[in-house]
């Protein structure tokens, strides 16, 4: 018997915000699309490979935000595909905007257990494959942002599913749920005319692993080049580079240097990101930093 539900978190998550918070929908004030590819632990057999696609935009009189998140996550012989719709209601609050979001969708889980080479034959846990196990789920969150800082709180999964390889398959777990609550925040500081500094953090909690934090900072050069460094507690150091050739395009790359006991067996993690924002609300004089 095992438990499975996790957030496919990337190193450039701030620009794929639907992954961690449905309240992010519409916050870019444009029709925004983001495609991310991540290959973790390169050189390690069965290492995680993740693809993410998000699309979101403000609707109506801009109080409503709608979004769609599709991801595919492969680890070893297991593959998980998720499709989630996101809805956010946004109101002006003081000098910024306050957004409340909910998400609803499903994941499909598949595992080819029978392809594993076992030292002991006859183990019933690996005698059959898991084919297209369907699991509905929901998310919720809140997000407040101004031109210079932001803070958000969310829970990307409200239902925990349990899998029994010998009996009923997937079903909703009856014990305490692993909601994986997340807290994010960051601020932009103007150092001089051409350089800005943007520190940010993400703190999350899991029942299985406890508290984990991302501590990040970016130097923003002339609003065109972002040079970043991050530390994920107990897991990795991360270097990133993002280039904005136009106000609508963002091209990003991140490299993770692992800190776990697996470090001698892989060559780090690579991540590529492409973002495009359709320009009907892009304001060159007022660029967005998160």
C-alpha atoms as a PDB file:
ATOM      1  CA  UNK A   1       0.000   0.000   0.000  1.00  0.00           C
ATOM      2  CA  UNK A   2       1.312   3.460  -0.861  1.00  0.00           C
ATOM      3  CA  UNK A   3       0.338   7.106  -1.023  1.00  0.00           C
ATOM      4  CA  UNK A   4       0.900   9.281  -4.063  1.00  0.00           C
ATOM      5  CA  UNK A   5       0.176  12.923  -4.678  1.00  0.00           C
ATOM      6  CA  UNK A   6       2.784  15.574  -5.212  1.00  0.00           C
ATOM      7  CA  UNK A   7       3.178  18.994  -6.749  1.00  0.00           C
ATOM      8  CA  UNK A   8       5.377  19.004  -9.887  1.00  0.00           C
ATOM      9  CA  UNK A   9       7.328  21.985  -8.576  1.00  0.00           C
ATOM     10  CA  UNK A  10       9.906  23.554 -10.898  1.00  0.00           C
ATOM     11  CA  UNK A  11      12.816  25.883 -10.191  1.00  0.00           C
ATOM     12  CA  UNK A  12      11.144  28.709 -12.166  1.00  0.00           C
ATOM     13  CA  UNK A  13       7.775  28.271 -10.467  1.00  0.00           C
ATOM     14  CA  UNK A  14       7.137  32.000  -9.991  1.00  0.00           C
ATOM     15  CA  UNK A  15       6.369  32.345 -13.711  1.00  0.00           C
ATOM     16  CA  UNK A  16       4.254  29.193 -13.791  1.00  0.00           C
ATOM     17  CA  UNK A  17       2.239  30.221 -10.754  1.00  0.00           C
ATOM     18  CA  UNK A  18      -0.794  28.015 -11.457  1.00  0.00           C
ATOM     19  CA  UNK A  19       1.342  25.047 -10.379  1.00  0.00           C
ATOM     20  CA  UNK A  20       1.272  26.244  -6.772  1.00  0.00           C
ATOM     21  CA  UNK A  21      -1.715  28.609  -6.492  1.00  0.00           C
ATOM     22  CA  UNK A  22      -4.997  28.798  -8.473  1.00  0.00           C
ATOM     23  CA  UNK A  23      -5.389  32.422  -7.343  1.00  0.00           C
ATOM     24  CA  UNK A  24      -2.554  33.298  -9.745  1.00  0.00           C
ATOM     25  CA  UNK A  25      -4.984  33.007 -12.678  1.00  0.00           C
ATOM     26  CA  UNK A  26      -5.287  36.315 -14.525  1.00  0.00           C
ATOM     27  CA  UNK A  27      -2.673  38.098 -12.412  1.00  0.00           C
ATOM     28  CA  UNK A  28      -0.443  38.905 -15.395  1.00  0.00           C
ATOM     29  CA  UNK A  29      -3.227  41.111 -16.831  1.00  0.00           C
ATOM     30  CA  UNK A  30      -2.691  39.454 -20.213  1.00  0.00           C
ATOM     31  CA  UNK A  31      -3.354  36.163 -21.933  1.00  0.00           C
ATOM     32  CA  UNK A  32      -0.215  34.405 -20.679  1.00  0.00           C
ATOM     33  CA  UNK A  33       1.148  31.039 -21.805  1.00  0.00           C
ATOM     34  CA  UNK A  34       4.039  29.191 -20.219  1.00  0.00           C
ATOM     35  CA  UNK A  35       5.753  25.975 -21.271  1.00  0.00           C
ATOM     36  CA  UNK A  36       8.330  24.355 -18.975  1.00  0.00           C
ATOM     37  CA  UNK A  37      10.441  21.236 -19.469  1.00  0.00           C
ATOM     38  CA  UNK A  38      12.444  19.802 -16.579  1.00  0.00           C
ATOM     39  CA  UNK A  39      14.866  16.860 -16.609  1.00  0.00           C
ATOM     40  CA  UNK A  40      15.917  16.061 -13.065  1.00  0.00           C
ATOM     41  CA  UNK A  41      19.035  14.103 -12.070  1.00  0.00           C
ATOM     42  CA  UNK A  42      20.443  13.747 -15.574  1.00  0.00           C
ATOM     43  CA  UNK A  43      22.257  10.432 -16.014  1.00  0.00           C
ATOM     44  CA  UNK A  44      20.280   8.667 -13.279  1.00  0.00           C
ATOM     45  CA  UNK A  45      18.133   5.834 -14.664  1.00  0.00           C
ATOM     46  CA  UNK A  46      14.424   6.446 -14.116  1.00  0.00           C
ATOM     47  CA  UNK A  47      14.957  10.070 -13.050  1.00  0.00           C
ATOM     48  CA  UNK A  48      11.944  12.446 -13.078  1.00  0.00           C
ATOM     49  CA  UNK A  49      11.054  14.226 -16.325  1.00  0.00           C
ATOM     50  CA  UNK A  50       8.318  16.855 -16.214  1.00  0.00           C
ATOM     51  CA  UNK A  51       6.463  18.908 -18.847  1.00  0.00           C
ATOM     52  CA  UNK A  52       4.141  21.746 -17.814  1.00  0.00           C
ATOM     53  CA  UNK A  53       1.810  23.947 -19.839  1.00  0.00           C
ATOM     54  CA  UNK A  54      -0.219  26.757 -18.304  1.00  0.00           C
ATOM     55  CA  UNK A  55      -2.562  29.286 -19.914  1.00  0.00           C
ATOM     56  CA  UNK A  56      -4.432  31.988 -18.015  1.00  0.00           C
ATOM     57  CA  UNK A  57      -6.016  35.391 -18.539  1.00  0.00           C
ATOM     58  CA  UNK A  58      -8.335  37.956 -16.923  1.00  0.00           C
ATOM     59  CA  UNK A  59     -11.936  37.830 -18.083  1.00  0.00           C
ATOM     60  CA  UNK A  60     -15.002  40.044 -18.142  1.00  0.00           C
ATOM     61  CA  UNK A  61     -14.300  43.306 -16.361  1.00  0.00           C
ATOM     62  CA  UNK A  62     -11.024  41.816 -15.175  1.00  0.00           C
ATOM     63  CA  UNK A  63     -12.327  40.733 -11.786  1.00  0.00           C
ATOM     64  CA  UNK A  64     -12.376  37.117 -12.911  1.00  0.00           C
ATOM     65  CA  UNK A  65      -9.303  35.122 -13.874  1.00  0.00           C
ATOM     66  CA  UNK A  66      -9.432  31.790 -15.686  1.00  0.00           C
ATOM     67  CA  UNK A  67      -6.592  29.344 -16.147  1.00  0.00           C
ATOM     68  CA  UNK A  68      -5.727  25.873 -17.404  1.00  0.00           C
ATOM     69  CA  UNK A  69      -2.802  23.751 -16.208  1.00  0.00           C
ATOM     70  CA  UNK A  70      -1.689  20.549 -17.939  1.00  0.00           C
ATOM     71  CA  UNK A  71       1.316  18.554 -16.773  1.00  0.00           C
ATOM     72  CA  UNK A  72       2.986  15.242 -17.416  1.00  0.00           C
ATOM     73  CA  UNK A  73       5.347  13.802 -14.810  1.00  0.00           C
ATOM     74  CA  UNK A  74       7.334  10.602 -15.360  1.00  0.00           C
ATOM     75  CA  UNK A  75       9.368   8.920 -12.612  1.00  0.00           C
ATOM     76  CA  UNK A  76      10.820   5.481 -13.236  1.00  0.00           C
ATOM     77  CA  UNK A  77       8.070   3.157 -14.457  1.00  0.00           C
ATOM     78  CA  UNK A  78       5.322   5.529 -13.284  1.00  0.00           C
ATOM     79  CA  UNK A  79       3.701   8.370 -15.223  1.00  0.00           C
ATOM     80  CA  UNK A  80       1.184  10.920 -13.988  1.00  0.00           C
ATOM     81  CA  UNK A  81      -0.787  13.297 -16.216  1.00  0.00           C
ATOM     82  CA  UNK A  82      -2.844  16.096 -14.701  1.00  0.00           C
ATOM     83  CA  UNK A  83      -5.414  18.538 -16.092  1.00  0.00           C
ATOM     84  CA  UNK A  84      -6.684  21.340 -13.828  1.00  0.00           C
ATOM     85  CA  UNK A  85      -8.927  24.327 -14.456  1.00  0.00           C
ATOM     86  CA  UNK A  86      -8.387  27.379 -12.253  1.00  0.00           C
ATOM     87  CA  UNK A  87     -10.746  30.182 -11.266  1.00  0.00           C
ATOM     88  CA  UNK A  88      -9.798  33.378  -9.449  1.00  0.00           C
ATOM     89  CA  UNK A  89     -11.848  36.330  -8.219  1.00  0.00           C
ATOM     90  CA  UNK A  90      -9.795  39.523  -7.986  1.00  0.00           C
ATOM     91  CA  UNK A  91     -10.559  42.742  -6.139  1.00  0.00           C
ATOM     92  CA  UNK A  92      -8.613  45.946  -5.616  1.00  0.00           C
ATOM     93  CA  UNK A  93      -7.335  46.202  -2.059  1.00  0.00           C
ATOM     94  CA  UNK A  94      -5.314  49.180  -0.865  1.00  0.00           C
ATOM     95  CA  UNK A  95      -2.489  49.651  -3.410  1.00  0.00           C
ATOM     96  CA  UNK A  96      -2.707  46.206  -4.961  1.00  0.00           C
ATOM     97  CA  UNK A  97      -4.999  43.364  -5.921  1.00  0.00           C
ATOM     98  CA  UNK A  98      -6.285  40.543  -3.736  1.00  0.00           C
ATOM     99  CA  UNK A  99      -7.209  37.307  -5.476  1.00  0.00           C
ATOM    100  CA  UNK A 100      -9.030  34.222  -4.186  1.00  0.00           C
ATOM    101  CA  UNK A 101      -8.751  31.068  -6.267  1.00  0.00           C
ATOM    102  CA  UNK A 102     -10.018  27.528  -6.561  1.00  0.00           C
ATOM    103  CA  UNK A 103      -8.959  24.769  -8.910  1.00  0.00           C
ATOM    104  CA  UNK A 104     -10.609  21.534 -10.012  1.00  0.00           C
ATOM    105  CA  UNK A 105      -9.308  18.737 -12.162  1.00  0.00           C
ATOM    106  CA  UNK A 106      -7.956  15.231 -12.269  1.00  0.00           C
ATOM    107  CA  UNK A 107      -4.819  13.166 -12.624  1.00  0.00           C
ATOM    108  CA  UNK A 108      -4.349   9.910 -14.477  1.00  0.00           C
ATOM    109  CA  UNK A 109      -1.733   7.582 -13.033  1.00  0.00           C
ATOM    110  CA  UNK A 110      -0.066   4.700 -14.871  1.00  0.00           C
ATOM    111  CA  UNK A 111       2.695   2.326 -13.751  1.00  0.00           C
ATOM    112  CA  UNK A 112       4.370  -0.530 -15.587  1.00  0.00           C
ATOM    113  CA  UNK A 113       5.294  -2.600 -12.536  1.00  0.00           C
ATOM    114  CA  UNK A 114       5.809  -5.746 -14.599  1.00  0.00           C
ATOM    115  CA  UNK A 115       8.810  -4.197 -16.396  1.00  0.00           C
ATOM    116  CA  UNK A 116      10.845  -4.099 -13.176  1.00  0.00           C
ATOM    117  CA  UNK A 117      13.631  -6.625 -12.652  1.00  0.00           C
ATOM    118  CA  UNK A 118      12.946  -8.121  -9.217  1.00  0.00           C
ATOM    119  CA  UNK A 119      15.356  -9.980  -6.963  1.00  0.00           C
ATOM    120  CA  UNK A 120      12.443 -11.946  -5.502  1.00  0.00           C
ATOM    121  CA  UNK A 121       9.868 -13.238  -7.967  1.00  0.00           C
ATOM    122  CA  UNK A 122       6.222 -13.733  -7.071  1.00  0.00           C
ATOM    123  CA  UNK A 123       5.696 -10.410  -5.268  1.00  0.00           C
ATOM    124  CA  UNK A 124       1.999  -9.621  -5.831  1.00  0.00           C
ATOM    125  CA  UNK A 125       2.656  -5.879  -5.484  1.00  0.00           C
ATOM    126  CA  UNK A 126       4.427  -5.918  -8.872  1.00  0.00           C
ATOM    127  CA  UNK A 127       2.479  -8.654 -10.662  1.00  0.00           C
ATOM    128  CA  UNK A 128       0.139  -6.322 -12.600  1.00  0.00           C
ATOM    129  CA  UNK A 129       0.410  -2.864 -14.137  1.00  0.00           C
ATOM    130  CA  UNK A 130      -1.595   0.141 -13.002  1.00  0.00           C
ATOM    131  CA  UNK A 131      -3.493   1.417 -16.035  1.00  0.00           C
ATOM    132  CA  UNK A 132      -5.180   4.815 -16.185  1.00  0.00           C
ATOM    133  CA  UNK A 133      -6.103   5.194 -12.526  1.00  0.00           C
ATOM    134  CA  UNK A 134      -8.361   8.294 -12.484  1.00  0.00           C
ATOM    135  CA  UNK A 135      -8.113  10.604  -9.455  1.00  0.00           C
ATOM    136  CA  UNK A 136     -10.138  13.858  -9.101  1.00  0.00           C
ATOM    137  CA  UNK A 137      -8.765  16.661  -6.955  1.00  0.00           C
ATOM    138  CA  UNK A 138      -9.183  20.295  -5.935  1.00  0.00           C
ATOM    139  CA  UNK A 139      -6.954  23.218  -4.945  1.00  0.00           C
ATOM    140  CA  UNK A 140      -7.414  26.557  -3.238  1.00  0.00           C
ATOM    141  CA  UNK A 141      -5.386  29.667  -2.515  1.00  0.00           C
ATOM    142  CA  UNK A 142      -5.160  33.419  -2.011  1.00  0.00           C
ATOM    143  CA  UNK A 143      -2.743  35.859  -3.620  1.00  0.00           C
ATOM    144  CA  UNK A 144      -2.044  39.544  -2.939  1.00  0.00           C
ATOM    145  CA  UNK A 145       0.279  41.620  -5.100  1.00  0.00           C
ATOM    146  CA  UNK A 146       1.306  45.195  -5.788  1.00  0.00           C
ATOM    147  CA  UNK A 147       3.843  46.631  -8.235  1.00  0.00           C
ATOM    148  CA  UNK A 148       6.697  45.907  -5.841  1.00  0.00           C
ATOM    149  CA  UNK A 149       5.793  42.903  -3.630  1.00  0.00           C
ATOM    150  CA  UNK A 150       3.565  39.857  -3.347  1.00  0.00           C
ATOM    151  CA  UNK A 151       2.463  37.183  -0.890  1.00  0.00           C
ATOM    152  CA  UNK A 152       0.431  34.027  -1.440  1.00  0.00           C
ATOM    153  CA  UNK A 153      -0.863  31.020   0.465  1.00  0.00           C
ATOM    154  CA  UNK A 154      -2.241  27.878  -1.115  1.00  0.00           C
ATOM    155  CA  UNK A 155      -2.926  24.179  -0.932  1.00  0.00           C
ATOM    156  CA  UNK A 156      -2.487  22.531  -4.347  1.00  0.00           C
ATOM    157  CA  UNK A 157      -4.197  19.261  -3.352  1.00  0.00           C
ATOM    158  CA  UNK A 158      -7.203  18.915  -1.034  1.00  0.00           C
ATOM    159  CA  UNK A 159      -7.747  15.160  -1.489  1.00  0.00           C
ATOM    160  CA  UNK A 160      -5.204  12.445  -0.725  1.00  0.00           C
ATOM    161  CA  UNK A 161      -5.586   9.163  -2.586  1.00  0.00           C
ATOM    162  CA  UNK A 162      -4.401   5.753  -1.457  1.00  0.00           C
ATOM    163  CA  UNK A 163      -3.290   2.931  -3.699  1.00  0.00           C
ATOM    164  CA  UNK A 164      -3.413  -0.746  -2.759  1.00  0.00           C
ATOM    165  CA  UNK A 165      -1.721  -2.929  -5.362  1.00  0.00           C
ATOM    166  CA  UNK A 166      -3.489  -6.083  -4.190  1.00  0.00           C
ATOM    167  CA  UNK A 167      -7.107  -5.018  -3.711  1.00  0.00           C
ATOM    168  CA  UNK A 168      -9.216  -1.990  -4.462  1.00  0.00           C
ATOM    169  CA  UNK A 169      -6.703   0.174  -6.383  1.00  0.00           C
ATOM    170  CA  UNK A 170      -6.984   3.943  -5.899  1.00  0.00           C
ATOM    171  CA  UNK A 171      -9.464   5.402  -3.442  1.00  0.00           C
ATOM    172  CA  UNK A 172      -9.766   8.477  -1.258  1.00  0.00           C
ATOM    173  CA  UNK A 173      -7.664   8.142   1.864  1.00  0.00           C
ATOM    174  CA  UNK A 174      -9.469   8.065   5.200  1.00  0.00           C
ATOM    175  CA  UNK A 175      -6.552   9.275   7.311  1.00  0.00           C
ATOM    176  CA  UNK A 176      -5.100  12.760   7.726  1.00  0.00           C
ATOM    177  CA  UNK A 177      -4.637  14.415   4.338  1.00  0.00           C
ATOM    178  CA  UNK A 178      -1.243  15.634   3.150  1.00  0.00           C
ATOM    179  CA  UNK A 179      -2.456  19.044   1.983  1.00  0.00           C
ATOM    180  CA  UNK A 180       1.053  20.387   1.302  1.00  0.00           C
ATOM    181  CA  UNK A 181       0.288  24.010   2.315  1.00  0.00           C
ATOM    182  CA  UNK A 182       2.543  26.591   0.658  1.00  0.00           C
ATOM    183  CA  UNK A 183       3.489  30.149   1.541  1.00  0.00           C
ATOM    184  CA  UNK A 184       5.179  32.377  -1.045  1.00  0.00           C
ATOM    185  CA  UNK A 185       6.414  35.939  -0.940  1.00  0.00           C
ATOM    186  CA  UNK A 186       8.829  38.360  -2.559  1.00  0.00           C
ATOM    187  CA  UNK A 187       9.734  41.999  -3.139  1.00  0.00           C
ATOM    188  CA  UNK A 188      11.492  44.108  -5.786  1.00  0.00           C
ATOM    189  CA  UNK A 189      14.049  46.731  -4.726  1.00  0.00           C
ATOM    190  CA  UNK A 190      15.332  49.462  -7.053  1.00  0.00           C
ATOM    191  CA  UNK A 191      19.122  49.581  -6.598  1.00  0.00           C
ATOM    192  CA  UNK A 192      19.774  52.137  -9.328  1.00  0.00           C
ATOM    193  CA  UNK A 193      18.369  53.175 -12.691  1.00  0.00           C
ATOM    194  CA  UNK A 194      19.283  49.912 -14.432  1.00  0.00           C
ATOM    195  CA  UNK A 195      19.457  47.294 -11.665  1.00  0.00           C
ATOM    196  CA  UNK A 196      16.779  45.813  -9.409  1.00  0.00           C
ATOM    197  CA  UNK A 197      16.999  43.112  -6.739  1.00  0.00           C
ATOM    198  CA  UNK A 198      14.152  40.640  -6.197  1.00  0.00           C
ATOM    199  CA  UNK A 199      14.439  38.285  -3.206  1.00  0.00           C
ATOM    200  CA  UNK A 200      11.659  35.713  -2.797  1.00  0.00           C
ATOM    201  CA  UNK A 201      10.836  32.576  -0.864  1.00  0.00           C
ATOM    202  CA  UNK A 202       8.568  29.542  -0.935  1.00  0.00           C
ATOM    203  CA  UNK A 203       7.873  27.515   2.196  1.00  0.00           C
ATOM    204  CA  UNK A 204       5.918  24.278   2.043  1.00  0.00           C
ATOM    205  CA  UNK A 205       5.056  21.481   4.427  1.00  0.00           C
ATOM    206  CA  UNK A 206       4.537  17.779   3.795  1.00  0.00           C
ATOM    207  CA  UNK A 207       3.631  15.158   6.369  1.00  0.00           C
ATOM    208  CA  UNK A 208       6.276  12.802   4.956  1.00  0.00           C
ATOM    209  CA  UNK A 209       9.200  15.244   4.761  1.00  0.00           C
ATOM    210  CA  UNK A 210       8.345  18.192   7.020  1.00  0.00           C
ATOM    211  CA  UNK A 211       9.128  21.825   6.168  1.00  0.00           C
ATOM    212  CA  UNK A 212      11.085  22.694   3.026  1.00  0.00           C
ATOM    213  CA  UNK A 213      12.005  26.219   1.906  1.00  0.00           C
ATOM    214  CA  UNK A 214      13.257  27.849  -1.277  1.00  0.00           C
ATOM    215  CA  UNK A 215      15.349  30.978  -0.704  1.00  0.00           C
ATOM    216  CA  UNK A 216      15.891  32.867  -3.964  1.00  0.00           C
ATOM    217  CA  UNK A 217      17.204  36.150  -5.285  1.00  0.00           C
ATOM    218  CA  UNK A 218      17.373  37.704  -8.754  1.00  0.00           C
ATOM    219  CA  UNK A 219      19.347  40.598 -10.174  1.00  0.00           C
ATOM    220  CA  UNK A 220      17.291  42.304 -12.888  1.00  0.00           C
ATOM    221  CA  UNK A 221      19.381  44.178 -15.434  1.00  0.00           C
ATOM    222  CA  UNK A 222      17.550  46.859 -17.448  1.00  0.00           C
ATOM    223  CA  UNK A 223      14.373  44.738 -17.214  1.00  0.00           C
ATOM    224  CA  UNK A 224      15.905  42.517 -19.922  1.00  0.00           C
ATOM    225  CA  UNK A 225      18.139  39.995 -18.150  1.00  0.00           C
ATOM    226  CA  UNK A 226      17.457  38.143 -14.895  1.00  0.00           C
ATOM    227  CA  UNK A 227      20.336  36.389 -13.126  1.00  0.00           C
ATOM    228  CA  UNK A 228      19.202  34.247 -10.222  1.00  0.00           C
ATOM    229  CA  UNK A 229      20.444  31.991  -7.434  1.00  0.00           C
ATOM    230  CA  UNK A 230      18.407  29.805  -5.080  1.00  0.00           C
ATOM    231  CA  UNK A 231      18.858  27.377  -2.235  1.00  0.00           C
ATOM    232  CA  UNK A 232      16.311  24.628  -1.604  1.00  0.00           C
ATOM    233  CA  UNK A 233      16.868  23.367   1.933  1.00  0.00           C
ATOM    234  CA  UNK A 234      18.473  19.946   2.016  1.00  0.00           C
ATOM    235  CA  UNK A 235      18.012  19.476  -1.719  1.00  0.00           C
ATOM    236  CA  UNK A 236      19.836  21.762  -4.168  1.00  0.00           C
ATOM    237  CA  UNK A 237      21.589  24.970  -5.138  1.00  0.00           C
ATOM    238  CA  UNK A 238      20.037  26.520  -8.249  1.00  0.00           C
ATOM    239  CA  UNK A 239      21.400  28.959 -10.828  1.00  0.00           C
ATOM    240  CA  UNK A 240      19.062  30.534 -13.359  1.00  0.00           C
ATOM    241  CA  UNK A 241      19.155  32.909 -16.314  1.00  0.00           C
ATOM    242  CA  UNK A 242      16.158  34.523 -17.970  1.00  0.00           C
ATOM    243  CA  UNK A 243      16.158  36.795 -21.013  1.00  0.00           C
ATOM    244  CA  UNK A 244      13.333  39.043 -22.191  1.00  0.00           C
ATOM    245  CA  UNK A 245      14.025  39.885 -25.863  1.00  0.00           C
ATOM    246  CA  UNK A 246      10.663  41.713 -26.001  1.00  0.00           C
ATOM    247  CA  UNK A 247       8.123  42.654 -23.305  1.00  0.00           C
ATOM    248  CA  UNK A 248       6.057  39.604 -24.305  1.00  0.00           C
ATOM    249  CA  UNK A 249       8.707  36.891 -24.579  1.00  0.00           C
ATOM    250  CA  UNK A 250      10.570  35.338 -21.634  1.00  0.00           C
ATOM    251  CA  UNK A 251      13.167  32.596 -22.165  1.00  0.00           C
ATOM    252  CA  UNK A 252      14.561  30.870 -19.099  1.00  0.00           C
ATOM    253  CA  UNK A 253      17.069  28.212 -18.077  1.00  0.00           C
ATOM    254  CA  UNK A 254      17.817  26.800 -14.624  1.00  0.00           C
ATOM    255  CA  UNK A 255      20.433  24.327 -13.436  1.00  0.00           C
ATOM    256  CA  UNK A 256      20.165  22.502 -10.104  1.00  0.00           C
ATOM    257  CA  UNK A 257      23.191  21.150  -8.258  1.00  0.00           C
ATOM    258  CA  UNK A 258      21.859  18.437  -5.973  1.00  0.00           C
ATOM    259  CA  UNK A 259      22.824  18.133  -2.313  1.00  0.00           C
ATOM    260  CA  UNK A 260      21.271  14.758  -1.496  1.00  0.00           C
ATOM    261  CA  UNK A 261      22.975  11.367  -1.257  1.00  0.00           C
ATOM    262  CA  UNK A 262      22.165  10.839  -4.963  1.00  0.00           C
ATOM    263  CA  UNK A 263      24.665  13.534  -6.014  1.00  0.00           C
ATOM    264  CA  UNK A 264      27.466  11.099  -7.049  1.00  0.00           C
ATOM    265  CA  UNK A 265      25.066   9.314  -9.416  1.00  0.00           C
ATOM    266  CA  UNK A 266      23.762  12.155 -11.585  1.00  0.00           C
ATOM    267  CA  UNK A 267      24.848  15.323 -13.390  1.00  0.00           C
ATOM    268  CA  UNK A 268      22.399  17.818 -11.982  1.00  0.00           C
ATOM    269  CA  UNK A 269      18.977  18.930 -13.215  1.00  0.00           C
ATOM    270  CA  UNK A 270      18.154  21.043 -16.262  1.00  0.00           C
ATOM    271  CA  UNK A 271      15.063  23.156 -16.813  1.00  0.00           C
ATOM    272  CA  UNK A 272      13.916  25.160 -19.848  1.00  0.00           C
ATOM    273  CA  UNK A 273      11.063  27.680 -19.873  1.00  0.00           C
ATOM    274  CA  UNK A 274       9.335  29.665 -22.631  1.00  0.00           C
ATOM    275  CA  UNK A 275       6.677  32.239 -21.808  1.00  0.00           C
ATOM    276  CA  UNK A 276       4.648  34.408 -24.150  1.00  0.00           C
ATOM    277  CA  UNK A 277       2.090  37.046 -23.224  1.00  0.00           C
ATOM    278  CA  UNK A 278      -0.308  38.309 -25.854  1.00  0.00           C
ATOM    279  CA  UNK A 279       0.093  42.053 -25.833  1.00  0.00           C
ATOM    280  CA  UNK A 280      -3.338  43.537 -25.469  1.00  0.00           C
ATOM    281  CA  UNK A 281      -2.557  44.635 -21.896  1.00  0.00           C
ATOM    282  CA  UNK A 282       1.243  44.627 -21.831  1.00  0.00           C
ATOM    283  CA  UNK A 283       2.554  47.958 -20.580  1.00  0.00           C
ATOM    284  CA  UNK A 284       6.227  48.484 -21.428  1.00  0.00           C
ATOM    285  CA  UNK A 285       6.618  51.280 -18.848  1.00  0.00           C
ATOM    286  CA  UNK A 286       5.198  49.105 -16.072  1.00  0.00           C
ATOM    287  CA  UNK A 287       6.733  45.616 -16.423  1.00  0.00           C
ATOM    288  CA  UNK A 288       5.674  42.726 -14.175  1.00  0.00           C
ATOM    289  CA  UNK A 289       8.262  41.109 -11.909  1.00  0.00           C
ATOM    290  CA  UNK A 290       6.205  38.137 -10.655  1.00  0.00           C
END
